[in-house]
């Protein structure tokens, strides 16, 4: 009897041992190790991050043909080249050219307002594809990849009609204002004898502010692009005049990140097509009453 009980006990212990071993093997099969879990988590996280980055990357103009976006950087306070219209939409001569160019290239046109003194950072970071906004090539020839110039321009001084200022010599002792990091500011830096005669040289973020300062008598003159000056005076119906003596002569072009010849060539080709079929002339006449473009001339 005792022997039978002992045998039964031994059999039970063996069965329990086999069950435990089976459970351990099943657990080993079902549950991966901590190292495997961590590796799988890292791989999954990497795949999610890659997917998010891919989704977040804006489409840029493709070398293969149509598709993508054409993101144009511009100063939204620089009429008539680029500004906010009465309807709250971005508009302007340069934006009209850029939009027509995007259409011909099969790209989605995206106007992107930028702070003018941050334009290089915006271009280098890829936030914009080009700078197209009365952008002066003169003095910047080696800093960007450029289209051919599409418009000629000069830097001039704007003063109140009754100011008694009729020449640059009359600016001696006067307060002159200019947009920061603009072509006019660069031209003034080259005219050190002239600027040394000023009573004060101020900088401002945009020319709308400069014109308000001139209207209020806070400044005596503004140094700026003649094309923009003429448009501002006309739109404001103000008693301002442009001095006959110019500060410098220059040309406008479309600026791309240094080395981006591929996109530059596409845009240049579209501009030449627009010159040939009369589109450049038509858009210029809509904004200025005459054709002041230079491509194909």
Protein backbone atom coordinates (compact mmCIF):
# COMPACT_ATOMS: atom_id res chain seq x y z
CA UNK A 1 0.00 0.00 0.00
CA UNK A 2 2.76 2.39 0.98
CA UNK A 3 4.67 1.44 -2.15
CA UNK A 4 1.61 2.27 -4.29
CA UNK A 5 1.22 5.66 -2.60
CA UNK A 6 4.91 6.41 -3.12
CA UNK A 7 4.68 5.57 -6.82
CA UNK A 8 1.65 7.78 -7.22
CA UNK A 9 3.44 10.68 -5.56
CA UNK A 10 6.49 10.27 -7.78
CA UNK A 11 4.27 10.21 -10.88
CA UNK A 12 2.51 13.40 -9.77
CA UNK A 13 5.83 15.16 -9.19
CA UNK A 14 7.05 14.17 -12.67
CA UNK A 15 3.83 15.43 -14.24
CA UNK A 16 4.14 18.76 -12.45
CA UNK A 17 7.76 19.06 -13.51
CA UNK A 18 6.88 18.44 -17.15
CA UNK A 19 4.04 20.95 -16.97
CA UNK A 20 6.35 23.61 -15.53
CA UNK A 21 8.95 22.98 -18.21
CA UNK A 22 6.27 23.24 -20.88
CA UNK A 23 5.02 26.50 -19.44
CA UNK A 24 8.57 27.91 -19.30
CA UNK A 25 9.15 26.98 -22.95
CA UNK A 26 5.80 28.46 -23.94
CA UNK A 27 6.64 31.63 -22.07
CA UNK A 28 10.02 31.77 -23.76
CA UNK A 29 8.31 31.40 -27.15
CA UNK A 30 5.49 33.90 -26.47
CA UNK A 31 7.44 36.64 -24.70
CA UNK A 32 10.47 38.17 -26.46
CA UNK A 33 13.47 39.24 -24.43
CA UNK A 34 13.88 42.80 -23.16
CA UNK A 35 16.59 43.38 -25.76
CA UNK A 36 14.30 42.21 -28.58
CA UNK A 37 11.45 44.39 -27.32
CA UNK A 38 13.68 47.46 -27.16
CA UNK A 39 15.08 46.81 -30.64
CA UNK A 40 11.61 46.39 -32.11
CA UNK A 41 10.45 49.60 -30.42
CA UNK A 42 13.42 51.54 -31.79
CA UNK A 43 12.79 50.20 -35.30
CA UNK A 44 9.12 51.08 -35.11
CA UNK A 45 9.92 54.57 -33.84
CA UNK A 46 12.44 55.12 -36.64
CA UNK A 47 9.88 54.06 -39.24
CA UNK A 48 7.27 56.43 -37.77
CA UNK A 49 9.76 59.34 -37.71
CA UNK A 50 10.76 58.68 -41.32
CA UNK A 51 7.11 58.61 -42.37
CA UNK A 52 6.41 61.88 -40.54
CA UNK A 53 9.44 63.59 -42.12
CA UNK A 54 8.43 62.39 -45.56
CA UNK A 55 4.88 63.67 -45.09
CA UNK A 56 6.15 67.01 -43.76
CA UNK A 57 8.59 67.68 -46.59
CA UNK A 58 7.08 70.18 -49.07
CA UNK A 59 7.06 69.18 -52.66
CA UNK A 60 9.59 71.16 -54.65
CA UNK A 61 9.80 71.62 -58.39
CA UNK A 62 10.69 68.29 -59.96
CA UNK A 63 13.42 67.90 -62.54
CA UNK A 64 11.31 65.23 -64.20
CA UNK A 65 8.48 67.54 -65.19
CA UNK A 66 5.19 68.64 -63.70
CA UNK A 67 4.22 68.40 -60.05
CA UNK A 68 5.28 70.02 -56.82
CA UNK A 69 5.12 73.57 -55.57
CA UNK A 70 6.86 76.79 -56.47
CA UNK A 71 7.37 78.72 -53.23
CA UNK A 72 8.21 82.36 -53.89
CA UNK A 73 9.66 84.48 -51.09
CA UNK A 74 8.66 88.16 -51.10
CA UNK A 75 8.27 91.25 -48.93
CA UNK A 76 4.53 91.76 -48.44
CA UNK A 77 5.06 95.48 -47.83
CA UNK A 78 6.70 96.28 -51.16
CA UNK A 79 4.03 97.48 -53.59
CA UNK A 80 3.71 97.20 -56.51
CA UNK A 81 6.05 94.20 -56.64
CA UNK A 82 4.43 92.23 -53.83
CA UNK A 83 1.93 93.25 -51.16
CA UNK A 84 -1.44 92.57 -49.53
CA UNK A 85 -4.31 93.83 -51.68
CA UNK A 86 -7.53 95.43 -50.47
CA UNK A 87 -9.17 91.99 -50.58
CA UNK A 88 -6.58 90.60 -48.18
CA UNK A 89 -4.92 88.49 -50.88
CA UNK A 90 -1.28 88.67 -51.91
CA UNK A 91 -0.82 90.51 -55.18
CA UNK A 92 1.71 92.52 -57.15
CA UNK A 93 3.62 92.69 -60.41
CA UNK A 94 6.30 90.19 -59.44
CA UNK A 95 3.76 87.81 -57.96
CA UNK A 96 1.76 87.96 -61.20
CA UNK A 97 4.90 87.00 -63.13
CA UNK A 98 5.72 84.23 -60.66
CA UNK A 99 2.20 82.80 -60.77
CA UNK A 100 2.22 82.71 -64.57
CA UNK A 101 5.64 81.04 -64.47
CA UNK A 102 4.39 78.36 -62.05
CA UNK A 103 1.41 77.69 -64.32
CA UNK A 104 3.66 77.17 -67.32
CA UNK A 105 5.90 74.81 -65.35
CA UNK A 106 2.96 72.79 -64.06
CA UNK A 107 3.67 73.78 -60.46
CA UNK A 108 1.45 75.00 -57.64
CA UNK A 109 2.22 78.65 -56.95
CA UNK A 110 2.76 79.47 -53.27
CA UNK A 111 3.58 83.10 -52.33
CA UNK A 112 5.50 83.13 -49.05
CA UNK A 113 5.90 86.48 -47.23
CA UNK A 114 9.27 86.83 -45.50
CA UNK A 115 11.12 89.37 -43.39
CA UNK A 116 13.47 90.99 -45.88
CA UNK A 117 16.49 90.85 -43.59
CA UNK A 118 15.90 87.07 -43.16
CA UNK A 119 15.66 86.28 -46.87
CA UNK A 120 19.00 84.45 -47.04
CA UNK A 121 18.10 82.20 -44.12
CA UNK A 122 14.72 81.42 -45.69
CA UNK A 123 16.39 80.48 -48.98
CA UNK A 124 19.20 78.42 -47.44
CA UNK A 125 16.81 76.47 -45.22
CA UNK A 126 14.60 75.54 -48.17
CA UNK A 127 11.54 77.37 -46.85
CA UNK A 128 11.35 79.16 -50.19
CA UNK A 129 12.49 78.21 -53.70
CA UNK A 130 13.48 81.71 -54.79
CA UNK A 131 13.37 85.41 -53.95
CA UNK A 132 11.21 87.29 -56.43
CA UNK A 133 10.30 90.77 -55.25
CA UNK A 134 12.05 93.67 -56.91
CA UNK A 135 15.26 91.85 -56.02
CA UNK A 136 18.31 93.81 -57.12
CA UNK A 137 21.09 91.82 -58.72
CA UNK A 138 23.64 94.63 -58.59
CA UNK A 139 26.19 93.99 -55.85
CA UNK A 140 24.75 90.53 -55.18
CA UNK A 141 25.87 88.81 -58.39
CA UNK A 142 27.97 86.17 -56.61
CA UNK A 143 25.61 85.49 -53.72
CA UNK A 144 22.81 83.78 -55.64
CA UNK A 145 22.07 81.90 -58.84
CA UNK A 146 20.19 84.44 -60.97
CA UNK A 147 17.89 84.57 -63.94
CA UNK A 148 18.69 87.14 -66.57
CA UNK A 149 17.51 90.62 -65.49
CA UNK A 150 13.88 91.29 -66.38
CA UNK A 151 13.66 94.95 -65.38
CA UNK A 152 15.95 97.98 -64.96
CA UNK A 153 15.74 100.17 -61.88
CA UNK A 154 17.44 103.07 -60.13
CA UNK A 155 17.73 104.11 -56.50
CA UNK A 156 16.37 107.59 -55.81
CA UNK A 157 15.31 109.96 -53.06
CA UNK A 158 11.68 110.87 -52.36
CA UNK A 159 10.92 114.15 -50.58
CA UNK A 160 7.93 116.33 -49.84
CA UNK A 161 7.14 118.71 -52.70
CA UNK A 162 7.35 121.77 -50.45
CA UNK A 163 10.47 120.63 -48.58
CA UNK A 164 12.86 122.88 -50.44
CA UNK A 165 14.99 119.84 -51.27
CA UNK A 166 15.75 119.68 -54.99
CA UNK A 167 19.11 117.90 -55.11
CA UNK A 168 21.23 115.49 -53.12
CA UNK A 169 23.30 118.41 -51.86
CA UNK A 170 20.15 119.73 -50.15
CA UNK A 171 20.01 116.56 -48.02
CA UNK A 172 22.85 117.87 -45.87
CA UNK A 173 21.70 117.94 -42.26
CA UNK A 174 18.44 116.15 -43.12
CA UNK A 175 16.96 112.91 -41.75
CA UNK A 176 16.93 110.18 -44.41
CA UNK A 177 15.23 106.80 -44.05
CA UNK A 178 15.86 103.53 -45.90
CA UNK A 179 14.67 99.93 -45.67
CA UNK A 180 17.06 97.71 -43.78
CA UNK A 181 19.13 95.31 -45.90
CA UNK A 182 17.78 96.88 -49.09
CA UNK A 183 19.58 97.85 -52.28
CA UNK A 184 19.14 101.49 -51.37
CA UNK A 185 20.89 100.90 -48.06
CA UNK A 186 23.74 99.16 -49.90
CA UNK A 187 23.98 102.06 -52.35
CA UNK A 188 24.13 104.55 -49.49
CA UNK A 189 26.98 102.62 -47.90
CA UNK A 190 28.89 103.09 -51.15
CA UNK A 191 28.19 106.85 -51.08
CA UNK A 192 29.95 107.58 -47.80
CA UNK A 193 30.54 111.27 -48.56
CA UNK A 194 26.83 111.77 -49.17
CA UNK A 195 25.66 109.87 -46.09
CA UNK A 196 28.21 111.70 -43.95
CA UNK A 197 26.38 114.91 -44.82
CA UNK A 198 23.04 113.64 -43.51
CA UNK A 199 21.83 114.78 -40.17
CA UNK A 200 20.73 111.19 -39.51
CA UNK A 201 20.27 107.98 -41.47
CA UNK A 202 17.47 105.73 -40.19
CA UNK A 203 16.45 102.23 -41.19
CA UNK A 204 12.96 100.77 -41.23
CA UNK A 205 11.49 97.31 -41.81
CA UNK A 206 9.36 98.37 -44.79
CA UNK A 207 8.59 101.32 -47.05
CA UNK A 208 4.98 101.68 -45.95
CA UNK A 209 6.35 102.78 -42.59
CA UNK A 210 8.86 105.06 -44.30
CA UNK A 211 6.12 106.83 -46.25
CA UNK A 212 4.07 107.32 -43.10
CA UNK A 213 7.16 108.84 -41.46
CA UNK A 214 7.59 111.17 -44.44
CA UNK A 215 3.92 112.18 -44.35
CA UNK A 216 4.18 113.00 -40.65
CA UNK A 217 7.41 114.95 -41.07
CA UNK A 218 9.42 112.51 -38.95
CA UNK A 219 11.94 112.17 -41.81
CA UNK A 220 12.93 114.48 -44.66
CA UNK A 221 13.65 111.94 -47.39
CA UNK A 222 13.40 108.27 -48.30
CA UNK A 223 16.02 106.40 -50.34
CA UNK A 224 14.37 103.68 -52.42
CA UNK A 225 13.65 102.03 -55.79
CA UNK A 226 12.26 104.47 -58.37
CA UNK A 227 9.66 101.97 -59.59
CA UNK A 228 8.29 101.47 -56.10
CA UNK A 229 8.55 105.19 -55.33
CA UNK A 230 6.47 106.17 -58.36
CA UNK A 231 3.79 103.62 -57.52
CA UNK A 232 3.59 104.67 -53.87
CA UNK A 233 3.27 108.37 -54.72
CA UNK A 234 0.53 107.66 -57.25
CA UNK A 235 -1.43 105.38 -54.93
CA UNK A 236 -1.20 107.74 -51.99
CA UNK A 237 -1.98 110.80 -54.11
CA UNK A 238 0.67 112.52 -52.02
CA UNK A 239 2.57 115.75 -52.61
CA UNK A 240 5.89 113.95 -52.89
CA UNK A 241 8.48 114.21 -55.63
CA UNK A 242 11.41 112.10 -56.79
CA UNK A 243 14.74 113.90 -57.07
CA UNK A 244 16.12 113.89 -60.62
CA UNK A 245 19.57 112.88 -59.45
CA UNK A 246 19.66 109.10 -58.88
CA UNK A 247 21.72 107.31 -56.28
CA UNK A 248 22.57 104.23 -58.38
CA UNK A 249 21.43 102.17 -61.35
CA UNK A 250 20.63 98.48 -61.09
CA UNK A 251 18.66 95.53 -62.45
CA UNK A 252 16.02 93.20 -61.05
CA UNK A 253 16.33 89.42 -61.30
CA UNK A 254 14.96 86.27 -59.67
CA UNK A 255 17.40 84.90 -57.09
CA UNK A 256 17.84 81.21 -56.28
CA UNK A 257 20.03 79.37 -53.81
CA UNK A 258 23.59 79.29 -55.09
CA UNK A 259 23.99 76.31 -57.41
CA UNK A 260 20.31 75.74 -58.17
CA UNK A 261 20.76 76.12 -61.92
CA UNK A 262 18.11 73.51 -62.71
CA UNK A 263 15.19 75.50 -61.31
CA UNK A 264 16.71 78.77 -62.52
CA UNK A 265 16.84 77.43 -66.07
CA UNK A 266 13.18 76.39 -65.93
CA UNK A 267 12.09 79.82 -64.71
CA UNK A 268 14.31 81.59 -67.23
CA UNK A 269 12.78 79.54 -70.01
CA UNK A 270 9.26 80.45 -68.87
CA UNK A 271 10.15 84.16 -68.75
CA UNK A 272 11.54 84.03 -72.27
CA UNK A 273 8.35 82.35 -73.49
CA UNK A 274 6.31 85.07 -71.79
CA UNK A 275 8.39 87.77 -73.45
CA UNK A 276 7.98 86.13 -76.84
CA UNK A 277 4.20 85.72 -76.66
CA UNK A 278 3.54 89.18 -75.19
CA UNK A 279 2.58 88.08 -71.66
CA UNK A 280 5.37 90.08 -69.99
CA UNK A 281 4.31 93.18 -71.87
CA UNK A 282 0.64 92.68 -70.95
CA UNK A 283 1.32 92.21 -67.23
CA UNK A 284 3.68 95.19 -67.16
CA UNK A 285 1.09 97.42 -68.82
CA UNK A 286 -1.53 96.28 -66.30
CA UNK A 287 0.64 97.43 -63.40
CA UNK A 288 2.64 100.35 -64.81
CA UNK A 289 0.73 101.54 -67.86
CA UNK A 290 3.70 100.66 -70.07
CA UNK A 291 6.10 97.84 -70.82
CA UNK A 292 9.16 98.35 -68.64
CA UNK A 293 10.49 94.78 -68.85
CA UNK A 294 13.87 94.07 -70.48
CA UNK A 295 13.85 90.39 -71.51
CA UNK A 296 14.05 89.99 -75.28
CA UNK A 297 14.59 93.71 -75.79
